[in-house]
Amino acid sequence: MPRTNPKNLDPKDKMKYLDLLWTSISELKTRDEVKSFFKDLLSQTEAVMLARRIIIAQKLLAGKSYDEIVNELRTSYVTVSSVNRWLISGFGGYENAIKGFEKAVDKRFNKYGKNEFSDIPYSFGWLRKKYPMHFLLFNLLKD
């Protein structure tokens, strides 16, 4: 899809497009609906880039320095600075998302136990569930 510069759009069209996006997202009820929608909407690269911005915001809110974040996530200072600018002068979206995310993660940890957190792809619990024969010894010892 060719890129469109929002500055070149008619303000009414831009408002219509964004309203459609926000309304579409707000109508999703479950995590699976949200997941399916964004899998259809975004490429894997776009989804990862958005998720990394949320992680950067989470680390900034936790008091980590730019240097720590850049070294840990192998991102640029410009990206960290942009996220920090949105945190300072934005609309509170990052803070709300992070609070909601942390509540959801805590809820899932309590439901499955920390070692059995199998919803996260490529976590130990997920790999054990996906490839039980590769983890036969672990599974036998656990039972």
Foldseek 3Di string as FASTA:
>chain_A
DDDDDPVPDDVVVSVVVVVVVVVVQVPDDDPVSNVVVCVVVDPPVVVVVVVLLLVLLVCVVVPDDLVVSCVVVVDDSVSSVVSVVCVVPNDCPSVVVVVVVVVVVVVLCVVQPPQLSQPDPPRNNVCCVVCVVVCVVVVVVVD
